[in-house]
Amino acid sequence: MDGSILGIYALIILLGIIGLVFIIIIGKYIKLWFQAFVSGTPISLFNIIGMSLRKIPPQIIVNARINSYKAGLKGISVSDLETHFLAGGRVLEVVRAMIAADKANIPLDWRQATAIDLAGRDILDAVRTSVNPKVIDCPDPNKTSGGMLDAVAKDGIRLLVKARVTVRTNLERLVGGATEDTIVARVGQGIVSAIGSMSSYKDVLENPDAISKKVLNSGLDAQTAFEIVSIDIADVSVA
């Protein structure tokens, strides 16, 4: 009898140890499950464990799901998040970009956002630039000796010019659209061409805005990932 009791006690202790180890192992999954549950976006515990077995970080998916739901982006499912991660995408960055776009009333759906991300573009930076245009130098001082454009008016006088181009991201053209380097090259070429059409260098010095307007109206942002907001002649001098 005593042996039977001891055996039962040993079995209970063994089961207790096994249960404790089991709780420790799945404790982090239970924490994530509870976090999703109290956030109003319940995710099955087995689904969370399955993510780990599929080599998908559950923490990323759960956080992305909670953030998107709390921001009102209710059309994004857990399956969508998992699929994008497995495709090599940056799930949290995409969700943050969509939240930023939604707050700024910029149309951006899940399919478009993930396509931009998988194309290797920084989707969050693109949305920010779409909201807050940025200024780029023309020419790029890091790629041009002296950081100035060299142009000649019809009277043969050589001018050195530097411009600043304000651009905002065009999300619809971001996939496959040309980069900032193309904008800089086109604007630079446009300025040189516009100055070359002027009768005298004095016309450029007296009215540099005429050059800006002429270049701006040339549609230089076609097939690029940006929209040119303004072109400003920052500096012009006789060489």
Protein backbone atom coordinates (compact mmCIF):
# COMPACT_ATOMS: atom_id res chain seq x y z
CA MET A 1 0.00 0.00 0.00
CA ASP A 2 2.78 2.34 0.93
CA GLY A 3 4.49 1.52 -2.34
CA SER A 4 1.36 2.36 -4.28
CA ILE A 5 0.99 5.70 -2.52
CA LEU A 6 4.63 6.53 -3.21
CA GLY A 7 4.11 5.59 -6.84
CA ILE A 8 1.10 7.90 -7.08
CA TYR A 9 3.07 10.73 -5.46
CA ALA A 10 5.94 10.15 -7.88
CA LEU A 11 3.53 10.20 -10.81
CA ILE A 12 1.96 13.44 -9.57
CA ILE A 13 5.38 15.03 -9.17
CA LEU A 14 6.41 13.87 -12.65
CA LEU A 15 3.21 15.23 -14.17
CA GLY A 16 3.74 18.48 -12.28
CA ILE A 17 7.26 18.81 -13.67
CA ILE A 18 6.06 18.04 -17.18
CA GLY A 19 3.24 20.57 -16.78
CA LEU A 20 5.66 23.22 -15.50
CA VAL A 21 8.03 22.65 -18.41
CA PHE A 22 5.08 22.80 -20.82
CA ILE A 23 3.88 26.08 -19.31
CA ILE A 24 7.39 27.55 -19.54
CA ILE A 25 7.69 26.51 -23.19
CA ILE A 26 4.33 27.87 -24.30
CA GLY A 27 4.25 30.71 -21.79
CA LYS A 28 5.39 33.27 -24.34
CA TYR A 29 2.71 32.09 -26.75
CA ILE A 30 0.05 32.42 -24.07
CA LYS A 31 1.28 35.94 -23.37
CA LEU A 32 0.93 36.88 -27.05
CA TRP A 33 -2.48 35.23 -27.24
CA PHE A 34 -3.67 37.18 -24.19
CA GLN A 35 -2.21 40.41 -25.56
CA ALA A 36 -4.14 39.95 -28.80
CA PHE A 37 -7.28 38.94 -26.92
CA VAL A 38 -7.41 41.99 -24.66
CA SER A 39 -6.67 44.22 -27.67
CA GLY A 40 -9.82 43.07 -29.39
CA THR A 41 -8.02 41.11 -32.11
CA PRO A 42 -8.13 37.51 -30.86
CA ILE A 43 -5.72 35.11 -32.55
CA SER A 44 -5.93 31.38 -31.92
CA LEU A 45 -3.25 30.04 -29.57
CA PHE A 46 -2.67 27.16 -31.99
CA ASN A 47 -2.23 29.70 -34.79
CA ILE A 48 0.40 31.53 -32.78
CA ILE A 49 2.26 28.28 -32.05
CA GLY A 50 1.93 27.36 -35.72
CA MET A 51 3.64 30.60 -36.72
CA SER A 52 6.69 29.59 -34.76
CA LEU A 53 6.69 26.15 -36.39
CA ARG A 54 6.52 27.87 -39.80
CA LYS A 55 9.49 30.02 -38.76
CA ILE A 56 7.41 33.18 -38.59
CA PRO A 57 8.12 35.38 -35.53
CA PRO A 58 4.76 35.46 -33.70
CA GLN A 59 5.68 38.70 -31.92
CA ILE A 60 5.93 40.57 -35.24
CA ILE A 61 2.65 39.25 -36.60
CA VAL A 62 0.72 39.84 -33.38
CA ASN A 63 2.07 43.38 -32.98
CA ALA A 64 1.33 44.18 -36.62
CA ARG A 65 -2.19 42.80 -36.30
CA ILE A 66 -2.88 44.81 -33.14
CA ASN A 67 -1.45 48.03 -34.60
CA SER A 68 -3.43 47.72 -37.82
CA TYR A 69 -6.68 46.90 -36.00
CA LYS A 70 -6.33 49.72 -33.49
CA ALA A 71 -5.63 52.16 -36.35
CA GLY A 72 -8.82 51.11 -38.11
CA LEU A 73 -7.18 49.04 -40.87
CA LYS A 74 -9.48 46.09 -40.33
CA GLY A 75 -9.10 44.61 -43.81
CA ILE A 76 -5.66 43.17 -43.04
CA SER A 77 -5.87 39.57 -41.85
CA VAL A 78 -3.34 37.47 -39.96
CA SER A 79 -2.94 35.38 -43.10
CA ASP A 80 -2.05 38.52 -45.10
CA LEU A 81 0.64 39.41 -42.58
CA GLU A 82 2.10 35.89 -42.57
CA THR A 83 2.12 35.71 -46.37
CA HIS A 84 3.96 39.02 -46.69
CA PHE A 85 6.56 37.96 -44.11
CA LEU A 86 7.18 34.67 -45.90
CA ALA A 87 7.61 36.61 -49.16
CA GLY A 88 10.47 38.53 -47.55
CA GLY A 89 8.52 41.65 -46.68
CA ARG A 90 8.88 43.99 -43.72
CA VAL A 91 5.51 43.55 -42.07
CA LEU A 92 5.71 46.18 -39.34
CA GLU A 93 7.07 48.83 -41.72
CA VAL A 94 4.22 48.23 -44.15
CA VAL A 95 1.60 48.49 -41.41
CA ARG A 96 3.17 51.68 -40.07
CA ALA A 97 3.25 53.14 -43.57
CA MET A 98 -0.42 52.31 -44.12
CA ILE A 99 -1.34 53.90 -40.79
CA ALA A 100 0.60 57.05 -41.70
CA ALA A 101 -1.06 57.15 -45.13
CA ASP A 102 -4.50 56.66 -43.63
CA LYS A 103 -4.00 59.51 -41.15
CA ALA A 104 -2.88 61.77 -44.03
CA ASN A 105 -5.84 60.71 -46.24
CA ILE A 106 -3.49 59.23 -48.84
CA PRO A 107 -4.97 56.23 -50.72
CA LEU A 108 -2.81 53.16 -50.04
CA ASP A 109 -4.18 49.63 -49.88
CA TRP A 110 -2.50 46.47 -48.65
CA ARG A 111 -1.74 45.09 -52.11
CA GLN A 112 -0.07 48.30 -53.26
CA ALA A 113 1.86 48.74 -50.02
CA THR A 114 3.25 45.20 -50.05
CA ALA A 115 4.19 45.50 -53.73
CA ILE A 116 6.19 48.64 -52.96
CA ASP A 117 7.88 46.94 -50.02
CA LEU A 118 8.77 43.80 -51.98
CA ALA A 119 10.18 46.01 -54.76
CA GLY A 120 12.84 47.09 -52.27
CA ARG A 121 11.55 50.62 -51.72
CA ASP A 122 11.33 52.13 -48.24
CA ILE A 123 7.54 52.32 -48.01
CA LEU A 124 7.46 54.24 -44.73
CA ASP A 125 9.90 56.87 -46.02
CA ALA A 126 7.90 57.09 -49.27
CA VAL A 127 4.70 57.87 -47.37
CA ARG A 128 6.47 60.46 -45.23
CA THR A 129 7.91 62.13 -48.34
CA SER A 130 4.47 62.09 -49.89
CA VAL A 131 3.13 63.96 -46.87
CA ASN A 132 6.16 66.20 -46.33
CA PRO A 133 8.00 66.93 -49.63
CA LYS A 134 11.77 66.93 -49.45
CA VAL A 135 14.40 69.08 -51.12
CA ILE A 136 17.20 67.63 -53.23
CA ASP A 137 20.19 69.49 -54.64
CA CYS A 138 20.77 69.74 -58.38
CA PRO A 139 23.43 68.79 -59.15
CA ASP A 140 24.21 66.36 -56.35
CA PRO A 141 27.23 67.92 -54.54
CA ASN A 142 28.52 64.44 -53.72
CA LYS A 143 28.64 63.44 -57.37
CA THR A 144 29.64 66.68 -59.10
CA SER A 145 32.92 68.52 -58.81
CA GLY A 146 32.18 71.99 -57.45
CA GLY A 147 28.49 71.20 -57.01
CA MET A 148 27.43 73.51 -59.85
CA LEU A 149 25.88 73.12 -63.32
CA ASP A 150 27.85 74.53 -66.23
CA ALA A 151 25.68 76.28 -68.85
CA VAL A 152 26.31 78.74 -71.71
CA ALA A 153 23.86 81.38 -72.97
CA LYS A 154 23.58 82.33 -76.64
CA ASP A 155 26.00 85.24 -76.18
CA GLY A 156 28.72 82.76 -75.23
CA ILE A 157 28.91 83.69 -71.57
CA ARG A 158 29.36 80.71 -69.27
CA LEU A 159 27.27 80.48 -66.11
CA LEU A 160 27.50 78.31 -63.02
CA VAL A 161 24.12 77.35 -61.60
CA LYS A 162 22.82 75.42 -58.62
CA ALA A 163 19.16 74.54 -58.08
CA ARG A 164 17.04 72.99 -55.37
CA VAL A 165 14.23 70.69 -56.36
CA THR A 166 11.29 70.01 -54.05
CA VAL A 167 9.70 66.62 -54.68
CA ARG A 168 7.01 64.43 -53.15
CA THR A 169 6.61 60.70 -53.63
CA ASN A 170 4.06 59.45 -56.14
CA LEU A 171 2.98 56.17 -54.56
CA GLU A 172 1.21 54.98 -57.71
CA ARG A 173 4.45 55.21 -59.70
CA LEU A 174 6.79 54.07 -56.94
CA VAL A 175 7.04 50.51 -58.25
CA GLY A 176 9.04 50.72 -61.46
CA GLY A 177 9.41 54.50 -61.30
CA ALA A 178 12.80 56.16 -61.75
CA THR A 179 14.69 57.34 -58.68
CA GLU A 180 15.97 60.70 -57.43
CA ASP A 181 19.05 60.43 -59.64
CA THR A 182 16.81 60.61 -62.72
CA ILE A 183 15.06 63.71 -61.37
CA VAL A 184 18.41 65.40 -60.72
CA ALA A 185 19.73 64.47 -64.17
CA ARG A 186 16.60 65.66 -65.98
CA VAL A 187 16.37 68.93 -64.08
CA GLY A 188 20.06 69.59 -64.65
CA GLN A 189 19.72 68.95 -68.35
CA GLY A 190 16.58 71.12 -68.47
CA ILE A 191 18.35 74.04 -66.78
CA VAL A 192 21.33 73.84 -69.11
CA SER A 193 19.01 73.70 -72.11
CA ALA A 194 16.88 76.60 -70.86
CA ILE A 195 19.93 78.80 -70.28
CA GLY A 196 21.25 77.84 -73.72
CA SER A 197 18.05 79.22 -75.27
CA MET A 198 18.44 82.62 -73.56
CA SER A 199 19.78 85.46 -75.73
CA SER A 200 22.05 86.82 -73.00
CA TYR A 201 23.43 85.73 -69.69
CA LYS A 202 22.02 88.95 -68.28
CA ASP A 203 18.49 87.63 -68.83
CA VAL A 204 19.32 84.68 -66.57
CA LEU A 205 20.85 86.84 -63.86
CA GLU A 206 17.95 89.29 -63.93
CA ASN A 207 15.18 86.70 -63.98
CA PRO A 208 16.27 83.26 -62.76
CA ASP A 209 12.61 82.39 -62.05
CA ALA A 210 12.01 82.25 -65.79
CA ILE A 211 14.44 79.34 -65.98
CA SER A 212 12.69 77.59 -63.07
CA LYS A 213 9.24 77.96 -64.62
CA LYS A 214 10.41 76.78 -68.02
CA VAL A 215 12.02 73.67 -66.57
CA LEU A 216 9.11 72.99 -64.21
CA ASN A 217 6.63 73.02 -67.09
CA SER A 218 8.64 70.44 -69.04
CA GLY A 219 7.10 67.42 -67.32
CA LEU A 220 10.46 66.10 -66.16
CA ASP A 221 8.90 63.88 -63.49
CA ALA A 222 7.20 61.60 -66.05
CA GLN A 223 7.80 57.87 -65.37
CA THR A 224 9.55 58.65 -62.09
CA ALA A 225 8.58 57.80 -58.54
CA PHE A 226 8.19 61.48 -57.69
CA GLU A 227 6.23 64.61 -58.47
CA ILE A 228 8.22 67.82 -58.81
CA VAL A 229 6.62 70.48 -56.60
CA SER A 230 9.02 73.33 -57.36
CA ILE A 231 12.40 74.12 -58.88
CA ASP A 232 14.30 77.02 -57.34
CA ILE A 233 17.53 78.50 -58.64
CA ALA A 234 19.60 78.66 -55.48
CA ASP A 235 22.73 80.21 -56.99
CA VAL A 236 23.81 81.56 -60.38
CA SER A 237 27.05 83.32 -61.24
CA VAL A 238 29.27 84.13 -64.21
CA ALA A 239 32.07 81.61 -64.51
